[in-house]
Amino acid sequence: MKKTILTLMAAALMCSAMPGDDTLTKNGKQYVINTTAIAKDIKGYNGATPLKIYITNNKIDKVEALPNEETPKYFFKVKKQVLGQWDGMTVNNAAKAKVDAVTGATMSSECVQKTLVRGLEYYKKNKK
């Protein structure tokens, strides 16, 4: 019984020492937003399309797709044709921009856009 209690206490202590939210991180002047946790509810054709958004001086450096369940053949087109459309835009302009969707991958394209907007909203509320 004592061993079980000690094990549970050790597990609780380890959980409390776990690192915090990694949705928004900062590396020098660059912020990185990981939308995995904040955009789970935004669905493409086969599910969520999490992104990493890199921002320096309030401008988007790049948008990177994270692993997802979209059809690889079509999502490759989204990565190639959609993600770069926000590069160099200010955060405010990117949040309002309507980018062109990829024919055959419209749902994935729209999901990526909504996910990006959610990430940018998170950035604006939480940057330090």
N, C-alpha and C. Protein backbone atom coordinates (compact mmCIF):
# COMPACT_ATOMS: atom_id res chain seq x y z
N MET A 1 0.83 -1.20 0.00
CA MET A 1 0.00 0.00 0.00
C MET A 1 0.86 1.25 0.00
N LYS A 2 1.91 1.26 0.86
CA LYS A 2 2.80 2.42 0.92
C LYS A 2 3.51 2.62 -0.42
N LYS A 3 3.87 1.51 -1.05
CA LYS A 3 4.57 1.59 -2.33
C LYS A 3 3.66 2.23 -3.40
N THR A 4 2.38 1.87 -3.40
CA THR A 4 1.42 2.43 -4.34
C THR A 4 1.26 3.93 -4.12
N ILE A 5 1.15 4.34 -2.86
CA ILE A 5 0.99 5.75 -2.54
C ILE A 5 2.22 6.53 -2.97
N LEU A 6 3.40 5.98 -2.70
CA LEU A 6 4.64 6.64 -3.10
C LEU A 6 4.74 6.75 -4.62
N THR A 7 4.33 5.72 -5.32
CA THR A 7 4.35 5.74 -6.78
C THR A 7 3.41 6.82 -7.31
N LEU A 8 2.21 6.90 -6.74
CA LEU A 8 1.26 7.93 -7.17
C LEU A 8 1.77 9.33 -6.86
N MET A 9 2.39 9.50 -5.72
CA MET A 9 2.94 10.81 -5.37
C MET A 9 4.07 11.20 -6.32
N ALA A 10 4.92 10.24 -6.66
CA ALA A 10 6.02 10.51 -7.59
C ALA A 10 5.47 10.87 -8.97
N ALA A 11 4.44 10.18 -9.41
CA ALA A 11 3.84 10.48 -10.71
C ALA A 11 3.23 11.88 -10.71
N ALA A 12 2.55 12.24 -9.64
CA ALA A 12 1.96 13.58 -9.54
C ALA A 12 3.03 14.65 -9.55
N LEU A 13 4.12 14.42 -8.87
CA LEU A 13 5.22 15.37 -8.84
C LEU A 13 5.83 15.53 -10.22
N MET A 14 6.01 14.43 -10.92
CA MET A 14 6.59 14.49 -12.27
C MET A 14 5.67 15.26 -13.22
N CYS A 15 4.38 15.03 -13.11
CA CYS A 15 3.42 15.74 -13.98
C CYS A 15 3.44 17.23 -13.69
N SER A 16 3.58 17.60 -12.45
CA SER A 16 3.60 19.03 -12.12
C SER A 16 4.88 19.70 -12.59
N ALA A 17 5.92 18.92 -12.84
CA ALA A 17 7.19 19.47 -13.29
C ALA A 17 7.31 19.46 -14.81
N MET A 18 6.28 18.95 -15.50
CA MET A 18 6.32 18.89 -16.95
C MET A 18 6.35 20.30 -17.53
N PRO A 19 6.99 20.49 -18.70
CA PRO A 19 7.01 21.81 -19.30
C PRO A 19 5.61 22.28 -19.64
N GLY A 20 5.44 23.60 -19.70
CA GLY A 20 4.13 24.19 -19.97
C GLY A 20 3.75 24.12 -21.43
N ASP A 21 2.80 24.91 -21.78
CA ASP A 21 2.24 24.98 -23.11
C ASP A 21 3.33 25.38 -24.11
N ASP A 22 3.46 24.62 -25.19
CA ASP A 22 4.45 24.96 -26.21
C ASP A 22 3.78 25.53 -27.46
N THR A 23 2.57 26.08 -27.29
CA THR A 23 1.87 26.67 -28.43
C THR A 23 2.61 27.88 -28.96
N LEU A 24 3.15 28.70 -28.06
CA LEU A 24 3.88 29.90 -28.47
C LEU A 24 5.25 29.87 -27.81
N THR A 25 6.28 29.81 -28.64
CA THR A 25 7.64 29.83 -28.12
C THR A 25 8.38 31.00 -28.77
N LYS A 26 9.47 31.38 -28.13
CA LYS A 26 10.26 32.48 -28.65
C LYS A 26 11.72 32.05 -28.71
N ASN A 27 12.35 32.35 -29.83
CA ASN A 27 13.76 32.05 -30.03
C ASN A 27 14.41 33.33 -30.53
N GLY A 28 15.03 34.08 -29.63
CA GLY A 28 15.56 35.39 -30.00
C GLY A 28 14.42 36.32 -30.32
N LYS A 29 14.42 36.86 -31.54
CA LYS A 29 13.34 37.76 -31.97
C LYS A 29 12.19 37.03 -32.65
N GLN A 30 12.40 35.75 -32.93
CA GLN A 30 11.39 35.00 -33.67
C GLN A 30 10.44 34.26 -32.72
N TYR A 31 9.14 34.39 -33.02
CA TYR A 31 8.11 33.63 -32.33
C TYR A 31 7.71 32.46 -33.22
N VAL A 32 7.36 31.35 -32.59
CA VAL A 32 6.87 30.19 -33.32
C VAL A 32 5.56 29.76 -32.69
N ILE A 33 4.52 29.69 -33.50
CA ILE A 33 3.22 29.25 -33.03
C ILE A 33 2.98 27.84 -33.56
N ASN A 34 2.69 26.92 -32.65
CA ASN A 34 2.35 25.55 -33.01
C ASN A 34 0.85 25.43 -32.77
N THR A 35 0.08 25.21 -33.83
CA THR A 35 -1.39 25.22 -33.72
C THR A 35 -1.99 23.87 -33.34
N THR A 36 -1.16 22.88 -33.06
CA THR A 36 -1.68 21.54 -32.78
C THR A 36 -2.76 21.54 -31.70
N ALA A 37 -2.49 22.20 -30.58
CA ALA A 37 -3.43 22.18 -29.46
C ALA A 37 -4.59 23.17 -29.62
N ILE A 38 -4.38 24.24 -30.34
CA ILE A 38 -5.41 25.30 -30.38
C ILE A 38 -6.34 25.23 -31.57
N ALA A 39 -6.07 24.34 -32.51
CA ALA A 39 -6.92 24.27 -33.71
C ALA A 39 -7.37 22.84 -34.02
N LYS A 40 -7.51 22.02 -32.99
CA LYS A 40 -7.94 20.63 -33.20
C LYS A 40 -9.34 20.54 -33.81
N ASP A 41 -10.16 21.54 -33.54
CA ASP A 41 -11.55 21.53 -33.99
C ASP A 41 -11.72 21.96 -35.45
N ILE A 42 -10.69 22.48 -36.07
CA ILE A 42 -10.77 22.92 -37.47
C ILE A 42 -10.39 21.73 -38.35
N LYS A 43 -11.34 21.26 -39.13
CA LYS A 43 -11.14 20.02 -39.88
C LYS A 43 -11.04 20.26 -41.38
N GLY A 44 -10.10 19.55 -41.99
CA GLY A 44 -9.99 19.51 -43.44
C GLY A 44 -10.75 18.31 -43.96
N TYR A 45 -10.23 17.67 -44.98
CA TYR A 45 -10.91 16.52 -45.56
C TYR A 45 -10.85 15.32 -44.62
N ASN A 46 -9.69 15.08 -44.00
CA ASN A 46 -9.52 13.92 -43.12
C ASN A 46 -9.21 14.30 -41.67
N GLY A 47 -9.28 15.56 -41.32
CA GLY A 47 -8.99 15.96 -39.94
C GLY A 47 -8.28 17.30 -39.88
N ALA A 48 -7.72 17.55 -38.71
CA ALA A 48 -7.02 18.82 -38.48
C ALA A 48 -5.73 18.89 -39.30
N THR A 49 -5.30 20.10 -39.60
CA THR A 49 -4.05 20.33 -40.33
C THR A 49 -3.19 21.30 -39.52
N PRO A 50 -2.53 20.80 -38.48
CA PRO A 50 -1.72 21.69 -37.64
C PRO A 50 -0.57 22.33 -38.41
N LEU A 51 -0.22 23.53 -37.95
CA LEU A 51 0.83 24.31 -38.60
C LEU A 51 1.83 24.82 -37.57
N LYS A 52 3.00 25.16 -38.05
CA LYS A 52 3.94 25.97 -37.30
C LYS A 52 4.06 27.27 -38.09
N ILE A 53 3.87 28.38 -37.37
CA ILE A 53 3.93 29.70 -38.00
C ILE A 53 5.11 30.44 -37.39
N TYR A 54 6.05 30.87 -38.22
CA TYR A 54 7.25 31.55 -37.76
C TYR A 54 7.07 33.05 -38.01
N ILE A 55 7.25 33.85 -36.95
CA ILE A 55 7.01 35.30 -37.05
C ILE A 55 8.20 36.06 -36.45
N THR A 56 8.70 37.04 -37.19
CA THR A 56 9.75 37.94 -36.71
C THR A 56 9.31 39.37 -36.99
N ASN A 57 9.43 40.23 -35.99
CA ASN A 57 9.04 41.63 -36.13
C ASN A 57 7.62 41.79 -36.71
N ASN A 58 6.72 40.95 -36.23
CA ASN A 58 5.31 41.00 -36.60
C ASN A 58 5.05 40.67 -38.07
N LYS A 59 6.01 40.00 -38.73
CA LYS A 59 5.85 39.55 -40.11
C LYS A 59 6.07 38.04 -40.16
N ILE A 60 5.31 37.39 -41.01
CA ILE A 60 5.43 35.94 -41.15
C ILE A 60 6.68 35.60 -41.97
N ASP A 61 7.54 34.79 -41.36
CA ASP A 61 8.72 34.30 -42.07
C ASP A 61 8.35 33.12 -42.95
N LYS A 62 7.62 32.17 -42.35
CA LYS A 62 7.17 31.00 -43.11
C LYS A 62 6.08 30.29 -42.34
N VAL A 63 5.33 29.48 -43.06
CA VAL A 63 4.31 28.62 -42.49
C VAL A 63 4.67 27.20 -42.88
N GLU A 64 4.70 26.33 -41.90
CA GLU A 64 5.13 24.95 -42.11
C GLU A 64 4.00 24.00 -41.69
N ALA A 65 3.70 23.03 -42.53
CA ALA A 65 2.69 22.02 -42.19
C ALA A 65 3.29 20.99 -41.25
N LEU A 66 2.52 20.60 -40.25
CA LEU A 66 2.91 19.53 -39.34
C LEU A 66 2.20 18.25 -39.78
N PRO A 67 2.62 17.10 -39.26
CA PRO A 67 1.98 15.84 -39.67
C PRO A 67 0.46 15.90 -39.49
N ASN A 68 -0.24 15.34 -40.48
CA ASN A 68 -1.70 15.33 -40.46
C ASN A 68 -2.21 14.11 -41.22
N GLU A 69 -3.52 13.98 -41.28
CA GLU A 69 -4.14 12.81 -41.92
C GLU A 69 -4.71 13.12 -43.31
N GLU A 70 -4.39 14.28 -43.86
CA GLU A 70 -4.89 14.61 -45.19
C GLU A 70 -4.26 13.68 -46.24
N THR A 71 -4.91 13.54 -47.36
CA THR A 71 -4.40 12.69 -48.43
C THR A 71 -3.08 13.28 -48.93
N PRO A 72 -1.97 12.54 -48.79
CA PRO A 72 -0.65 13.09 -49.12
C PRO A 72 -0.55 13.69 -50.52
N LYS A 73 -1.13 13.03 -51.50
CA LYS A 73 -1.07 13.49 -52.89
C LYS A 73 -1.64 14.91 -53.03
N TYR A 74 -2.75 15.17 -52.37
CA TYR A 74 -3.39 16.48 -52.46
C TYR A 74 -2.78 17.49 -51.50
N PHE A 75 -2.42 17.01 -50.31
CA PHE A 75 -1.87 17.96 -49.35
C PHE A 75 -0.49 18.46 -49.79
N PHE A 76 0.22 17.67 -50.55
CA PHE A 76 1.49 18.13 -51.12
C PHE A 76 1.26 19.40 -51.94
N LYS A 77 0.16 19.43 -52.69
CA LYS A 77 -0.17 20.62 -53.49
C LYS A 77 -0.46 21.81 -52.59
N VAL A 78 -1.14 21.57 -51.48
CA VAL A 78 -1.43 22.65 -50.52
C VAL A 78 -0.12 23.20 -49.97
N LYS A 79 0.77 22.30 -49.57
CA LYS A 79 2.06 22.75 -49.03
C LYS A 79 2.82 23.57 -50.08
N LYS A 80 2.79 23.11 -51.30
CA LYS A 80 3.55 23.77 -52.36
C LYS A 80 2.92 25.09 -52.81
N GLN A 81 1.59 25.15 -52.89
CA GLN A 81 0.93 26.31 -53.49
C GLN A 81 0.30 27.28 -52.50
N VAL A 82 0.00 26.84 -51.27
CA VAL A 82 -0.73 27.70 -50.34
C VAL A 82 0.16 28.26 -49.23
N LEU A 83 0.96 27.43 -48.62
CA LEU A 83 1.68 27.85 -47.41
C LEU A 83 2.57 29.07 -47.62
N GLY A 84 3.19 29.19 -48.76
CA GLY A 84 4.09 30.31 -49.02
C GLY A 84 3.39 31.64 -49.31
N GLN A 85 2.08 31.62 -49.49
CA GLN A 85 1.36 32.84 -49.84
C GLN A 85 1.37 33.87 -48.70
N TRP A 86 1.62 33.44 -47.47
CA TRP A 86 1.63 34.36 -46.33
C TRP A 86 3.03 34.89 -46.02
N ASP A 87 4.05 34.32 -46.63
CA ASP A 87 5.43 34.73 -46.34
C ASP A 87 5.61 36.23 -46.57
N GLY A 88 6.16 36.92 -45.58
CA GLY A 88 6.43 38.35 -45.70
C GLY A 88 5.27 39.25 -45.31
N MET A 89 4.08 38.69 -45.12
CA MET A 89 2.93 39.50 -44.73
C MET A 89 3.00 39.86 -43.25
N THR A 90 2.44 41.01 -42.90
CA THR A 90 2.30 41.32 -41.49
C THR A 90 1.25 40.40 -40.90
N VAL A 91 1.28 40.25 -39.61
CA VAL A 91 0.32 39.39 -38.93
C VAL A 91 -1.11 39.84 -39.22
N ASN A 92 -1.36 41.14 -39.13
CA ASN A 92 -2.72 41.65 -39.38
C ASN A 92 -3.18 41.41 -40.81
N ASN A 93 -2.30 41.66 -41.78
CA ASN A 93 -2.68 41.43 -43.18
C ASN A 93 -2.89 39.95 -43.48
N ALA A 94 -2.05 39.11 -42.91
CA ALA A 94 -2.17 37.67 -43.14
C ALA A 94 -3.48 37.14 -42.56
N ALA A 95 -3.89 37.67 -41.41
CA ALA A 95 -5.12 37.21 -40.78
C ALA A 95 -6.35 37.56 -41.62
N LYS A 96 -6.25 38.60 -42.44
CA LYS A 96 -7.38 39.03 -43.28
C LYS A 96 -7.28 38.50 -44.71
N ALA A 97 -6.11 38.04 -45.11
CA ALA A 97 -5.88 37.65 -46.50
C ALA A 97 -6.71 36.43 -46.89
N LYS A 98 -7.21 36.46 -48.09
CA LYS A 98 -7.90 35.31 -48.67
C LYS A 98 -6.95 34.73 -49.71
N VAL A 99 -6.39 33.58 -49.39
CA VAL A 99 -5.45 32.96 -50.32
C VAL A 99 -6.19 32.00 -51.24
N ASP A 100 -5.58 31.75 -52.38
CA ASP A 100 -6.20 30.86 -53.35
C ASP A 100 -6.12 29.41 -52.88
N ALA A 101 -7.25 28.71 -52.94
CA ALA A 101 -7.29 27.30 -52.59
C ALA A 101 -6.77 26.47 -53.76
N VAL A 102 -6.36 25.27 -53.46
CA VAL A 102 -5.86 24.36 -54.48
C VAL A 102 -7.03 23.54 -55.01
N THR A 103 -7.18 23.50 -56.32
CA THR A 103 -8.22 22.69 -56.94
C THR A 103 -7.99 21.23 -56.56
N GLY A 104 -9.04 20.58 -56.09
CA GLY A 104 -8.94 19.18 -55.67
C GLY A 104 -8.59 19.04 -54.20
N ALA A 105 -8.18 20.14 -53.57
CA ALA A 105 -7.83 20.10 -52.14
C ALA A 105 -8.42 21.33 -51.45
N THR A 106 -9.65 21.66 -51.85
CA THR A 106 -10.28 22.87 -51.33
C THR A 106 -10.48 22.79 -49.82
N MET A 107 -10.98 21.67 -49.31
CA MET A 107 -11.22 21.55 -47.87
C MET A 107 -9.92 21.67 -47.08
N SER A 108 -8.88 21.05 -47.56
CA SER A 108 -7.57 21.13 -46.89
C SER A 108 -7.05 22.57 -46.93
N SER A 109 -7.19 23.22 -48.08
CA SER A 109 -6.73 24.61 -48.22
C SER A 109 -7.47 25.53 -47.25
N GLU A 110 -8.79 25.37 -47.17
CA GLU A 110 -9.59 26.20 -46.27
C GLU A 110 -9.26 25.92 -44.81
N CYS A 111 -9.02 24.67 -44.49
CA CYS A 111 -8.64 24.30 -43.13
C CYS A 111 -7.31 24.94 -42.75
N VAL A 112 -6.36 24.92 -43.66
CA VAL A 112 -5.06 25.54 -43.41
C VAL A 112 -5.25 27.04 -43.16
N GLN A 113 -6.08 27.69 -43.95
CA GLN A 113 -6.30 29.12 -43.77
C GLN A 113 -6.93 29.42 -42.41
N LYS A 114 -7.94 28.66 -42.03
CA LYS A 114 -8.60 28.86 -40.73
C LYS A 114 -7.63 28.58 -39.58
N THR A 115 -6.82 27.55 -39.75
CA THR A 115 -5.83 27.22 -38.73
C THR A 115 -4.80 28.33 -38.58
N LEU A 116 -4.37 28.89 -39.70
CA LEU A 116 -3.43 30.00 -39.66
C LEU A 116 -4.02 31.18 -38.92
N VAL A 117 -5.25 31.53 -39.22
CA VAL A 117 -5.91 32.66 -38.56
C VAL A 117 -6.01 32.40 -37.06
N ARG A 118 -6.37 31.19 -36.66
CA ARG A 118 -6.44 30.85 -35.24
C ARG A 118 -5.06 31.02 -34.59
N GLY A 119 -4.02 30.57 -35.25
CA GLY A 119 -2.67 30.72 -34.72
C GLY A 119 -2.26 32.18 -34.57
N LEU A 120 -2.61 33.00 -35.55
CA LEU A 120 -2.28 34.42 -35.49
C LEU A 120 -3.05 35.14 -34.39
N GLU A 121 -4.30 34.75 -34.18
CA GLU A 121 -5.09 35.32 -33.08
C GLU A 121 -4.43 34.97 -31.74
N TYR A 122 -3.98 33.74 -31.62
CA TYR A 122 -3.31 33.29 -30.39
C TYR A 122 -2.03 34.11 -30.17
N TYR A 123 -1.28 34.29 -31.24
CA TYR A 123 -0.04 35.07 -31.17
C TYR A 123 -0.32 36.49 -30.68
N LYS A 124 -1.32 37.14 -31.27
CA LYS A 124 -1.61 38.54 -30.90
C LYS A 124 -2.03 38.66 -29.43
N LYS A 125 -2.73 37.67 -28.92
CA LYS A 125 -3.18 37.71 -27.53
C LYS A 125 -2.09 37.35 -26.53
N ASN A 126 -1.12 36.54 -26.95
CA ASN A 126 -0.18 35.96 -25.98
C ASN A 126 1.29 36.34 -26.14
N LYS A 127 1.66 37.06 -27.18
CA LYS A 127 3.08 37.43 -27.34
C LYS A 127 3.48 38.36 -26.21
N LYS A 128 4.73 38.31 -25.86
CA LYS A 128 5.24 39.14 -24.75
C LYS A 128 6.25 40.12 -25.26
